[in-house]
Structures are given as C-alpha cells and as structure tokens.
C-alpha atoms as a PDB file:
ATOM      1  CA  MET A   1      12.007  17.269   1.038  1.00  0.00           C
ATOM      2  CA  ALA A   2       9.809  16.060  -1.785  1.00  0.00           C
ATOM      3  CA  THR A   3       6.654  14.147  -1.011  1.00  0.00           C
ATOM      4  CA  ARG A   4       5.344  11.214  -2.976  1.00  0.00           C
ATOM      5  CA  LYS A   5       2.431  11.986  -5.250  1.00  0.00           C
ATOM      6  CA  TYR A   6      -0.402   9.461  -5.383  1.00  0.00           C
ATOM      7  CA  SER A   7      -3.520   9.959  -7.498  1.00  0.00           C
ATOM      8  CA  GLU A   8      -6.815  10.625  -5.702  1.00  0.00           C
ATOM      9  CA  LYS A   9      -8.155   7.180  -6.631  1.00  0.00           C
ATOM     10  CA  ALA A  10      -4.969   5.513  -5.370  1.00  0.00           C
ATOM     11  CA  GLN A  11      -5.320   7.378  -2.071  1.00  0.00           C
ATOM     12  CA  ASP A  12      -8.940   6.232  -1.840  1.00  0.00           C
ATOM     13  CA  LYS A  13      -7.921   2.601  -2.473  1.00  0.00           C
ATOM     14  CA  ILE A  14      -5.196   2.744   0.188  1.00  0.00           C
ATOM     15  CA  GLY A  15      -7.702   4.361   2.563  1.00  0.00           C
ATOM     16  CA  ASP A  16     -10.204   1.553   1.951  1.00  0.00           C
ATOM     17  CA  VAL A  17      -7.550  -1.063   2.707  1.00  0.00           C
ATOM     18  CA  MET A  18      -6.539   0.755   5.900  1.00  0.00           C
ATOM     19  CA  LYS A  19     -10.179   0.851   6.988  1.00  0.00           C
ATOM     20  CA  GLU A  20     -10.361  -2.934   6.529  1.00  0.00           C
ATOM     21  CA  PHE A  21      -7.143  -3.259   8.553  1.00  0.00           C
ATOM     22  CA  LYS A  22      -8.524  -1.172  11.411  1.00  0.00           C
ATOM     23  CA  GLU A  23     -11.722  -3.260  11.450  1.00  0.00           C
ATOM     24  CA  GLY A  24      -9.627  -6.445  11.569  1.00  0.00           C
ATOM     25  CA  LYS A  25     -10.971  -7.771   8.262  1.00  0.00           C
ATOM     26  CA  LEU A  26      -7.832  -7.426   6.093  1.00  0.00           C
ATOM     27  CA  LYS A  27      -6.237 -10.705   5.026  1.00  0.00           C
ATOM     28  CA  SER A  28      -2.934 -11.314   3.270  1.00  0.00           C
ATOM     29  CA  SER A  29      -2.623 -13.417   0.130  1.00  0.00           C
ATOM     30  CA  SER A  30      -1.993 -16.500   2.263  1.00  0.00           C
ATOM     31  CA  GLY A  31      -5.276 -15.931   4.103  1.00  0.00           C
ATOM     32  CA  GLU A  32      -3.692 -14.835   7.386  1.00  0.00           C
ATOM     33  CA  LYS A  33      -5.079 -11.809   9.240  1.00  0.00           C
ATOM     34  CA  VAL A  34      -2.848  -8.747   8.765  1.00  0.00           C
ATOM     35  CA  THR A  35      -1.644  -7.302  12.089  1.00  0.00           C
ATOM     36  CA  ASN A  36       1.171  -5.043  10.873  1.00  0.00           C
ATOM     37  CA  ARG A  37       0.337  -1.478   9.781  1.00  0.00           C
ATOM     38  CA  LYS A  38       3.228  -1.311   7.288  1.00  0.00           C
ATOM     39  CA  GLN A  39       2.087  -4.558   5.685  1.00  0.00           C
ATOM     40  CA  ALA A  40      -1.431  -3.150   5.344  1.00  0.00           C
ATOM     41  CA  ILE A  41      -0.078  -0.045   3.586  1.00  0.00           C
ATOM     42  CA  ALA A  42       1.996  -2.239   1.256  1.00  0.00           C
ATOM     43  CA  ILE A  43      -1.100  -4.267   0.367  1.00  0.00           C
ATOM     44  CA  GLY A  44      -3.017  -1.066  -0.409  1.00  0.00           C
ATOM     45  CA  ILE A  45      -0.252   0.272  -2.658  1.00  0.00           C
ATOM     46  CA  SER A  46       0.052  -3.088  -4.399  1.00  0.00           C
ATOM     47  CA  GLU A  47      -3.688  -3.245  -5.086  1.00  0.00           C
ATOM     48  CA  ALA A  48      -3.630   0.320  -6.431  1.00  0.00           C
ATOM     49  CA  GLU A  49      -0.750  -0.576  -8.781  1.00  0.00           C
ATOM     50  CA  GLN A  50      -2.627  -3.651 -10.026  1.00  0.00           C
ATOM     51  CA  LYS A  51      -5.605  -1.450 -10.937  1.00  0.00           C
ATOM     52  CA  GLY A  52      -3.260   0.802 -12.939  1.00  0.00           C
ATOM     53  CA  LEU A  53      -3.601   3.827 -10.655  1.00  0.00           C
ATOM     54  CA  LYS A  54      -0.841   6.421 -10.372  1.00  0.00           C
ATOM     55  CA  VAL A  55       1.618   5.302  -7.696  1.00  0.00           C
ATOM     56  CA  PRO A  56       5.231   6.529  -7.381  1.00  0.00           C
ATOM     57  CA  GLU A  57       8.025   4.130  -8.251  1.00  0.00           C
ATOM     58  CA  LYS A  58       9.880   2.404  -5.444  1.00  0.00           C
ATOM     59  CA  PRO A  59      13.090   4.222  -4.452  1.00  0.00           C
ATOM     60  CA  ALA A  60      16.248   2.731  -5.914  1.00  0.00           C
ATOM     61  CA  ALA A  61      18.279   0.573  -3.558  1.00  0.00           C
ATOM     62  CA  LYS A  62      21.516   2.144  -2.366  1.00  0.00           C
ATOM     63  CA  SER A  63      24.622   0.325  -3.490  1.00  0.00           C
ATOM     64  CA  ARG A  64      27.235  -0.684  -0.948  1.00  0.00           C
ATOM     65  CA  LYS A  65      30.936  -0.149  -1.471  1.00  0.00           C
END
C-alpha cells in the first residue's frame, strides 16, 4: 500500500494546525470552534495547499454503475 507523500514544510503546517486544535484555539472559516479531528486535518491540508506546499492530489471519486 502506497503512502501519501507530503513535503516537510507541509507536515509542519499540518502539525501546527493540529496543535491549535488540541489547545482548543482552532477556528473554522465561519468563526466556529473546530471540534472534529478530521476537520482540523482538512484545514491544515488546505492551508498548506494555499501556501503552495507539496500536498498529494485528492483521490479520484469512484464512479457508480
């Protein structure tokens, strides 16, 4: 199984966001406090992408037949 490859700086950014989440200081774009771990990770990845750091592409959606 292949693992996703993030750059060191992207990993640092995601780590910083997770630290904020654990301290209870992370807020979503609407200003609400983030309480979901998966949402916190998504915010970290999104911020890393906005800075132009190396982040893997999202997996393609599976088509239904």
